[in-house]
Amino acid sequence: MNQVIPISIWSKDMINCFLIKGKNKHILVDTGVPNSQSRIIAQVKAHGIDINDISLIVVTHAHIDHFGSAFRLKQLLDAPILAHELDTDSYLKGMADVSTMKLNKPQWWLFRQMIKNEKAPPFTPDIIMKGDEEYDLKQWGIDGKIIHTPGHTPGSLSIVLENEEVIIMDMMASGIMLGGIMFHNRVKHPPFHDDLSQLKLSFERVLKEKGDRYYLGHGKAVDRSQVMKYYKKYL
């Protein structure tokens, strides 16, 4: 049975990435801000997992708090990186595309100004998903698939596991501030989305899949009723 293991980049679930644990091989989902590699590896080892058994790195979208340490982790883990073609330019430049960072609330303007010029070591994805194709993870020892869920960024990806755990990263957030400080049952927008109409269609695609626990890039995991609440309230 596969298992999603949260890995905290900032405390209190303010920035998360995840390890999908398989029987023999495992997948790392997202890589945190730049220089997060030591923190990630330490937490992986704390769960009794050999980092040499991480067979794939999935980068879900082109914001620097999610791909910031991808280049270094690829070197350290000797694992290929999978990403979607529509976000590839940001990975090649090592910078997020600010044009996709449309404010969900005016007060996030200052935050965008603070982060818009941040850089990470650039990288070239080894496996590139195209269009709305699905990617089967069985070859990587995981019972599940990756689907294209644009809206937060054009190339955003989500992971749907057969055990009904789903990683949707920044499609939504929970809690206050960047998600983790308190009020974890409060669902909300993250600071930015690229296209809310696309995001609505992506939620519809996700909700067609079986799922009862949804893992977020900012905030604690939520259940299906909370995802539905977000969908109905904001989209």
C-alpha atoms as a PDB file:
ATOM      1  CA  MET A   1       0.000   0.000   0.000  1.00  0.00           C
ATOM      2  CA  ASN A   2       1.327   3.408  -0.962  1.00  0.00           C
ATOM      3  CA  GLN A   3       1.544   6.181   1.625  1.00  0.00           C
ATOM      4  CA  VAL A   4       1.878   9.961   1.333  1.00  0.00           C
ATOM      5  CA  ILE A   5       4.399  11.347   3.825  1.00  0.00           C
ATOM      6  CA  PRO A   6       4.354  15.158   4.332  1.00  0.00           C
ATOM      7  CA  ILE A   7       7.728  16.886   4.393  1.00  0.00           C
ATOM      8  CA  SER A   8       7.761  20.341   5.948  1.00  0.00           C
ATOM      9  CA  ILE A   9       9.921  23.016   4.327  1.00  0.00           C
ATOM     10  CA  TRP A  10       8.710  25.789   6.616  1.00  0.00           C
ATOM     11  CA  SER A  11       7.228  25.006  10.020  1.00  0.00           C
ATOM     12  CA  LYS A  12       3.507  24.512  10.659  1.00  0.00           C
ATOM     13  CA  ASP A  13       2.836  23.303   7.103  1.00  0.00           C
ATOM     14  CA  MET A  14       3.447  26.739   5.623  1.00  0.00           C
ATOM     15  CA  ILE A  15       5.337  25.118   2.719  1.00  0.00           C
ATOM     16  CA  ASN A  16       5.061  21.394   2.076  1.00  0.00           C
ATOM     17  CA  CYS A  17       6.445  18.823  -0.248  1.00  0.00           C
ATOM     18  CA  PHE A  18       5.673  15.101  -0.100  1.00  0.00           C
ATOM     19  CA  LEU A  19       7.180  11.662  -0.374  1.00  0.00           C
ATOM     20  CA  ILE A  20       5.010   8.939  -1.888  1.00  0.00           C
ATOM     21  CA  LYS A  21       6.223   5.738  -0.284  1.00  0.00           C
ATOM     22  CA  GLY A  22       5.999   2.539  -2.292  1.00  0.00           C
ATOM     23  CA  LYS A  23       6.981  -1.024  -1.482  1.00  0.00           C
ATOM     24  CA  ASN A  24      10.473  -0.739  -2.957  1.00  0.00           C
ATOM     25  CA  LYS A  25      10.651   2.631  -4.720  1.00  0.00           C
ATOM     26  CA  HIS A  26       9.448   6.095  -3.765  1.00  0.00           C
ATOM     27  CA  ILE A  27       8.607   9.411  -5.423  1.00  0.00           C
ATOM     28  CA  LEU A  28       9.442  12.913  -4.177  1.00  0.00           C
ATOM     29  CA  VAL A  29       6.789  15.505  -5.005  1.00  0.00           C
ATOM     30  CA  ASP A  30       8.186  19.059  -5.135  1.00  0.00           C
ATOM     31  CA  THR A  31      11.445  20.343  -3.717  1.00  0.00           C
ATOM     32  CA  GLY A  32      10.746  23.467  -1.650  1.00  0.00           C
ATOM     33  CA  VAL A  33      12.542  26.792  -1.773  1.00  0.00           C
ATOM     34  CA  PRO A  34      16.221  26.958  -2.813  1.00  0.00           C
ATOM     35  CA  ASN A  35      18.603  25.180  -0.416  1.00  0.00           C
ATOM     36  CA  SER A  36      15.914  22.901   1.023  1.00  0.00           C
ATOM     37  CA  GLN A  37      17.697  19.703   0.000  1.00  0.00           C
ATOM     38  CA  SER A  38      19.294  18.958   3.379  1.00  0.00           C
ATOM     39  CA  ARG A  39      16.014  19.505   5.223  1.00  0.00           C
ATOM     40  CA  ILE A  40      14.162  17.227   2.814  1.00  0.00           C
ATOM     41  CA  ILE A  41      16.756  14.451   2.944  1.00  0.00           C
ATOM     42  CA  ALA A  42      16.886  14.561   6.746  1.00  0.00           C
ATOM     43  CA  GLN A  43      13.115  14.103   6.992  1.00  0.00           C
ATOM     44  CA  VAL A  44      13.138  11.292   4.436  1.00  0.00           C
ATOM     45  CA  LYS A  45      15.810   9.469   6.441  1.00  0.00           C
ATOM     46  CA  ALA A  46      13.872  10.051   9.670  1.00  0.00           C
ATOM     47  CA  HIS A  47      11.117   7.894   8.180  1.00  0.00           C
ATOM     48  CA  GLY A  48      13.603   5.065   7.694  1.00  0.00           C
ATOM     49  CA  ILE A  49      13.763   5.494   3.921  1.00  0.00           C
ATOM     50  CA  ASP A  50      16.952   5.077   1.914  1.00  0.00           C
ATOM     51  CA  ILE A  51      17.286   8.114  -0.344  1.00  0.00           C
ATOM     52  CA  ASN A  52      18.735   5.833  -3.030  1.00  0.00           C
ATOM     53  CA  ASP A  53      15.280   4.299  -3.353  1.00  0.00           C
ATOM     54  CA  ILE A  54      13.716   7.603  -4.481  1.00  0.00           C
ATOM     55  CA  SER A  55      13.281   6.862  -8.162  1.00  0.00           C
ATOM     56  CA  LEU A  56      11.520   9.991  -9.450  1.00  0.00           C
ATOM     57  CA  ILE A  57      11.103  13.692  -8.623  1.00  0.00           C
ATOM     58  CA  VAL A  58       7.818  15.302  -9.665  1.00  0.00           C
ATOM     59  CA  VAL A  59       7.717  19.097  -9.842  1.00  0.00           C
ATOM     60  CA  THR A  60       4.058  20.108  -9.723  1.00  0.00           C
ATOM     61  CA  HIS A  61       4.345  23.720 -10.869  1.00  0.00           C
ATOM     62  CA  ALA A  62       6.682  26.586 -11.640  1.00  0.00           C
ATOM     63  CA  HIS A  63       6.713  28.610  -8.441  1.00  0.00           C
ATOM     64  CA  ILE A  64      10.057  28.836  -6.748  1.00  0.00           C
ATOM     65  CA  ASP A  65       8.824  27.465  -3.402  1.00  0.00           C
ATOM     66  CA  HIS A  66       8.090  24.215  -5.228  1.00  0.00           C
ATOM     67  CA  PHE A  67      10.992  23.858  -7.685  1.00  0.00           C
ATOM     68  CA  GLY A  68      13.685  25.762  -5.796  1.00  0.00           C
ATOM     69  CA  SER A  69      15.828  22.743  -4.881  1.00  0.00           C
ATOM     70  CA  ALA A  70      15.041  20.525  -7.869  1.00  0.00           C
ATOM     71  CA  PHE A  71      18.470  20.887  -9.476  1.00  0.00           C
ATOM     72  CA  ARG A  72      20.370  19.984  -6.298  1.00  0.00           C
ATOM     73  CA  LEU A  73      18.082  17.084  -5.412  1.00  0.00           C
ATOM     74  CA  LYS A  74      18.404  15.650  -8.895  1.00  0.00           C
ATOM     75  CA  GLN A  75      22.161  15.570  -8.323  1.00  0.00           C
ATOM     76  CA  LEU A  76      21.946  14.144  -4.814  1.00  0.00           C
ATOM     77  CA  LEU A  77      19.281  11.525  -5.534  1.00  0.00           C
ATOM     78  CA  ASP A  78      20.357  10.690  -9.095  1.00  0.00           C
ATOM     79  CA  ALA A  79      16.663  10.667 -10.021  1.00  0.00           C
ATOM     80  CA  PRO A  80      14.935  12.080 -13.115  1.00  0.00           C
ATOM     81  CA  ILE A  81      12.595  15.059 -12.874  1.00  0.00           C
ATOM     82  CA  LEU A  82       9.086  15.013 -14.337  1.00  0.00           C
ATOM     83  CA  ALA A  83       7.223  18.246 -15.111  1.00  0.00           C
ATOM     84  CA  HIS A  84       4.688  19.639 -17.573  1.00  0.00           C
ATOM     85  CA  GLU A  85       5.726  21.328 -20.807  1.00  0.00           C
ATOM     86  CA  LEU A  86       3.714  24.509 -20.121  1.00  0.00           C
ATOM     87  CA  ASP A  87       5.869  25.426 -17.111  1.00  0.00           C
ATOM     88  CA  THR A  88       9.201  24.388 -18.618  1.00  0.00           C
ATOM     89  CA  ASP A  89      10.407  27.905 -19.497  1.00  0.00           C
ATOM     90  CA  SER A  90      10.460  28.831 -15.810  1.00  0.00           C
ATOM     91  CA  TYR A  91      12.530  25.765 -14.962  1.00  0.00           C
ATOM     92  CA  LEU A  92      15.032  26.544 -17.716  1.00  0.00           C
ATOM     93  CA  LYS A  93      15.381  30.127 -16.422  1.00  0.00           C
ATOM     94  CA  GLY A  94      15.243  29.305 -12.716  1.00  0.00           C
ATOM     95  CA  MET A  95      12.547  31.949 -12.203  1.00  0.00           C
ATOM     96  CA  ALA A  96       8.766  31.908 -11.891  1.00  0.00           C
ATOM     97  CA  ASP A  97       6.705  33.534 -14.646  1.00  0.00           C
ATOM     98  CA  VAL A  98       5.289  36.569 -12.852  1.00  0.00           C
ATOM     99  CA  SER A  99       2.593  36.975 -15.511  1.00  0.00           C
ATOM    100  CA  THR A 100       0.892  33.842 -14.146  1.00  0.00           C
ATOM    101  CA  MET A 101       0.980  35.113 -10.549  1.00  0.00           C
ATOM    102  CA  LYS A 102      -2.341  36.949 -10.606  1.00  0.00           C
ATOM    103  CA  LEU A 103      -3.381  38.225  -7.186  1.00  0.00           C
ATOM    104  CA  ASN A 104      -6.278  36.564  -5.424  1.00  0.00           C
ATOM    105  CA  LYS A 105      -6.416  39.460  -2.956  1.00  0.00           C
ATOM    106  CA  PRO A 106      -4.915  42.966  -3.349  1.00  0.00           C
ATOM    107  CA  GLN A 107      -2.883  42.653  -0.146  1.00  0.00           C
ATOM    108  CA  TRP A 108      -0.706  39.961  -1.756  1.00  0.00           C
ATOM    109  CA  TRP A 109       0.801  42.615  -4.058  1.00  0.00           C
ATOM    110  CA  LEU A 110       3.682  43.346  -1.691  1.00  0.00           C
ATOM    111  CA  PHE A 111       4.424  39.635  -1.297  1.00  0.00           C
ATOM    112  CA  ARG A 112       4.616  39.251  -5.073  1.00  0.00           C
ATOM    113  CA  GLN A 113       6.983  42.217  -5.280  1.00  0.00           C
ATOM    114  CA  MET A 114       9.226  40.576  -2.683  1.00  0.00           C
ATOM    115  CA  ILE A 115       9.473  37.227  -4.458  1.00  0.00           C
ATOM    116  CA  LYS A 116       9.113  38.005  -8.163  1.00  0.00           C
ATOM    117  CA  ASN A 117      12.864  38.249  -8.815  1.00  0.00           C
ATOM    118  CA  GLU A 118      13.920  35.265  -6.722  1.00  0.00           C
ATOM    119  CA  LYS A 119      16.065  32.745  -8.546  1.00  0.00           C
ATOM    120  CA  ALA A 120      16.794  29.051  -8.204  1.00  0.00           C
ATOM    121  CA  PRO A 121      19.346  26.878 -10.001  1.00  0.00           C
ATOM    122  CA  PRO A 122      17.766  26.145 -13.401  1.00  0.00           C
ATOM    123  CA  PHE A 123      17.153  22.594 -14.582  1.00  0.00           C
ATOM    124  CA  THR A 124      15.845  20.713 -17.587  1.00  0.00           C
ATOM    125  CA  PRO A 125      13.061  18.194 -16.866  1.00  0.00           C
ATOM    126  CA  ASP A 126      13.916  14.665 -17.964  1.00  0.00           C
ATOM    127  CA  ILE A 127      10.300  13.588 -18.469  1.00  0.00           C
ATOM    128  CA  ILE A 128       7.909  16.143 -19.932  1.00  0.00           C
ATOM    129  CA  MET A 129       4.154  15.689 -19.834  1.00  0.00           C
ATOM    130  CA  LYS A 130       2.285  17.257 -22.733  1.00  0.00           C
ATOM    131  CA  GLY A 131      -1.260  18.521 -23.053  1.00  0.00           C
ATOM    132  CA  ASP A 132      -3.858  16.762 -20.940  1.00  0.00           C
ATOM    133  CA  GLU A 133      -2.227  13.344 -21.045  1.00  0.00           C
ATOM    134  CA  GLU A 134      -2.122  11.204 -17.908  1.00  0.00           C
ATOM    135  CA  TYR A 135       1.091   9.628 -16.649  1.00  0.00           C
ATOM    136  CA  ASP A 136       0.995   6.172 -15.055  1.00  0.00           C
ATOM    137  CA  LEU A 137       3.273   5.823 -12.022  1.00  0.00           C
ATOM    138  CA  LYS A 138       3.342   2.006 -11.890  1.00  0.00           C
ATOM    139  CA  GLN A 139       6.763   1.879 -13.527  1.00  0.00           C
ATOM    140  CA  TRP A 140       8.017   3.870 -10.529  1.00  0.00           C
ATOM    141  CA  GLY A 141       6.535   1.462  -8.011  1.00  0.00           C
ATOM    142  CA  ILE A 142       3.468   3.570  -7.182  1.00  0.00           C
ATOM    143  CA  ASP A 143      -0.190   2.728  -7.801  1.00  0.00           C
ATOM    144  CA  GLY A 144      -1.460   6.006  -9.165  1.00  0.00           C
ATOM    145  CA  LYS A 145      -1.169   8.590 -11.904  1.00  0.00           C
ATOM    146  CA  ILE A 146      -0.309  12.207 -12.602  1.00  0.00           C
ATOM    147  CA  ILE A 147      -2.890  14.459 -14.238  1.00  0.00           C
ATOM    148  CA  HIS A 148      -2.668  17.944 -15.719  1.00  0.00           C
ATOM    149  CA  THR A 149      -4.577  20.445 -13.555  1.00  0.00           C
ATOM    150  CA  PRO A 150      -3.917  23.958 -14.917  1.00  0.00           C
ATOM    151  CA  GLY A 151      -5.227  27.100 -13.291  1.00  0.00           C
ATOM    152  CA  HIS A 152      -2.692  27.857 -10.592  1.00  0.00           C
ATOM    153  CA  THR A 153      -0.046  27.822 -13.318  1.00  0.00           C
ATOM    154  CA  PRO A 154      -0.476  26.637 -16.918  1.00  0.00           C
ATOM    155  CA  GLY A 155       1.506  23.467 -16.245  1.00  0.00           C
ATOM    156  CA  SER A 156       0.262  22.531 -12.777  1.00  0.00           C
ATOM    157  CA  LEU A 157       0.117  18.806 -12.012  1.00  0.00           C
ATOM    158  CA  SER A 158      -1.725  16.704  -9.425  1.00  0.00           C
ATOM    159  CA  ILE A 159      -1.143  13.129  -8.287  1.00  0.00           C
ATOM    160  CA  VAL A 160      -4.049  10.716  -7.785  1.00  0.00           C
ATOM    161  CA  LEU A 161      -3.269   7.494  -5.916  1.00  0.00           C
ATOM    162  CA  GLU A 162      -5.337   4.330  -5.955  1.00  0.00           C
ATOM    163  CA  ASN A 163      -5.577   4.437  -2.147  1.00  0.00           C
ATOM    164  CA  GLU A 164      -7.695   7.617  -2.588  1.00  0.00           C
ATOM    165  CA  GLU A 165      -4.979  10.016  -1.455  1.00  0.00           C
ATOM    166  CA  VAL A 166      -4.576  12.991  -3.794  1.00  0.00           C
ATOM    167  CA  ILE A 167      -1.842  15.627  -3.936  1.00  0.00           C
ATOM    168  CA  ILE A 168      -3.262  18.871  -5.369  1.00  0.00           C
ATOM    169  CA  MET A 169      -0.585  21.247  -4.040  1.00  0.00           C
ATOM    170  CA  ASP A 170      -1.551  24.901  -4.691  1.00  0.00           C
ATOM    171  CA  MET A 171      -4.951  24.376  -6.285  1.00  0.00           C
ATOM    172  CA  MET A 172      -6.200  25.572  -2.883  1.00  0.00           C
ATOM    173  CA  ALA A 173      -4.834  26.256   0.605  1.00  0.00           C
ATOM    174  CA  SER A 174      -5.970  25.777   4.191  1.00  0.00           C
ATOM    175  CA  GLY A 175      -5.345  27.797   7.341  1.00  0.00           C
ATOM    176  CA  ILE A 176      -4.232  31.429   7.445  1.00  0.00           C
ATOM    177  CA  MET A 177      -1.191  33.278   6.118  1.00  0.00           C
ATOM    178  CA  LEU A 178       0.653  30.775   3.884  1.00  0.00           C
ATOM    179  CA  GLY A 179      -1.609  28.076   5.154  1.00  0.00           C
ATOM    180  CA  GLY A 180      -0.250  26.612   8.319  1.00  0.00           C
ATOM    181  CA  ILE A 181      -0.364  28.887  11.339  1.00  0.00           C
ATOM    182  CA  MET A 182      -3.905  28.213  12.597  1.00  0.00           C
ATOM    183  CA  PHE A 183      -7.526  27.615  11.530  1.00  0.00           C
ATOM    184  CA  HIS A 184      -6.542  24.587   9.508  1.00  0.00           C
ATOM    185  CA  ASN A 185     -10.155  23.812   8.601  1.00  0.00           C
ATOM    186  CA  ARG A 186     -10.463  27.152   6.827  1.00  0.00           C
ATOM    187  CA  VAL A 187     -10.140  26.591   3.069  1.00  0.00           C
ATOM    188  CA  LYS A 188      -9.105  29.518   0.891  1.00  0.00           C
ATOM    189  CA  HIS A 189      -7.223  30.769  -2.129  1.00  0.00           C
ATOM    190  CA  PRO A 190      -3.430  30.738  -2.079  1.00  0.00           C
ATOM    191  CA  PRO A 191      -1.904  34.150  -2.888  1.00  0.00           C
ATOM    192  CA  PHE A 192      -1.951  33.621  -6.667  1.00  0.00           C
ATOM    193  CA  HIS A 193      -3.788  31.805  -9.423  1.00  0.00           C
ATOM    194  CA  ASP A 194      -3.186  32.156 -13.141  1.00  0.00           C
ATOM    195  CA  ASP A 195      -6.674  31.371 -14.478  1.00  0.00           C
ATOM    196  CA  LEU A 196      -9.703  30.705 -12.280  1.00  0.00           C
ATOM    197  CA  SER A 197     -11.800  29.345 -15.146  1.00  0.00           C
ATOM    198  CA  GLN A 198      -9.145  26.731 -15.878  1.00  0.00           C
ATOM    199  CA  LEU A 199      -8.834  26.015 -12.172  1.00  0.00           C
ATOM    200  CA  LYS A 200     -12.561  25.283 -11.953  1.00  0.00           C
ATOM    201  CA  LEU A 201     -12.255  22.718 -14.761  1.00  0.00           C
ATOM    202  CA  SER A 202      -9.234  21.196 -13.019  1.00  0.00           C
ATOM    203  CA  PHE A 203     -11.195  20.785  -9.791  1.00  0.00           C
ATOM    204  CA  GLU A 204     -13.945  19.075 -11.751  1.00  0.00           C
ATOM    205  CA  ARG A 205     -11.352  16.704 -13.189  1.00  0.00           C
ATOM    206  CA  VAL A 206      -9.888  15.981  -9.754  1.00  0.00           C
ATOM    207  CA  LEU A 207     -13.301  15.441  -8.182  1.00  0.00           C
ATOM    208  CA  LYS A 208     -14.189  12.853 -10.824  1.00  0.00           C
ATOM    209  CA  GLU A 209     -11.413  10.714  -9.373  1.00  0.00           C
ATOM    210  CA  LYS A 210     -11.804   8.755  -6.168  1.00  0.00           C
ATOM    211  CA  GLY A 211     -10.319  10.699  -3.278  1.00  0.00           C
ATOM    212  CA  ASP A 212     -10.889  11.190   0.418  1.00  0.00           C
ATOM    213  CA  ARG A 213      -7.687  12.933   1.563  1.00  0.00           C
ATOM    214  CA  TYR A 214      -6.130  15.848  -0.301  1.00  0.00           C
ATOM    215  CA  TYR A 215      -2.612  17.128   0.376  1.00  0.00           C
ATOM    216  CA  LEU A 216      -1.786  20.816  -0.096  1.00  0.00           C
ATOM    217  CA  GLY A 217       1.353  22.824  -0.687  1.00  0.00           C
ATOM    218  CA  HIS A 218       0.288  25.331   1.971  1.00  0.00           C
ATOM    219  CA  GLY A 219      -1.661  24.066   4.953  1.00  0.00           C
ATOM    220  CA  LYS A 220      -2.707  20.741   6.380  1.00  0.00           C
ATOM    221  CA  ALA A 221      -4.412  17.999   4.378  1.00  0.00           C
ATOM    222  CA  VAL A 222      -8.165  18.311   3.890  1.00  0.00           C
ATOM    223  CA  ASP A 223     -10.997  15.881   3.205  1.00  0.00           C
ATOM    224  CA  ARG A 224     -13.322  15.718   0.207  1.00  0.00           C
ATOM    225  CA  SER A 225     -16.010  17.859   1.870  1.00  0.00           C
ATOM    226  CA  GLN A 226     -13.504  20.689   2.362  1.00  0.00           C
ATOM    227  CA  VAL A 227     -12.422  20.477  -1.274  1.00  0.00           C
ATOM    228  CA  MET A 228     -16.067  20.696  -2.319  1.00  0.00           C
ATOM    229  CA  LYS A 229     -16.538  23.691  -0.013  1.00  0.00           C
ATOM    230  CA  TYR A 230     -13.647  25.507  -1.709  1.00  0.00           C
ATOM    231  CA  TYR A 231     -14.934  24.629  -5.170  1.00  0.00           C
ATOM    232  CA  LYS A 232     -18.441  25.902  -4.422  1.00  0.00           C
ATOM    233  CA  LYS A 233     -17.351  29.036  -2.560  1.00  0.00           C
ATOM    234  CA  TYR A 234     -14.543  30.332  -4.748  1.00  0.00           C
ATOM    235  CA  LEU A 235     -15.090  28.866  -8.217  1.00  0.00           C
END
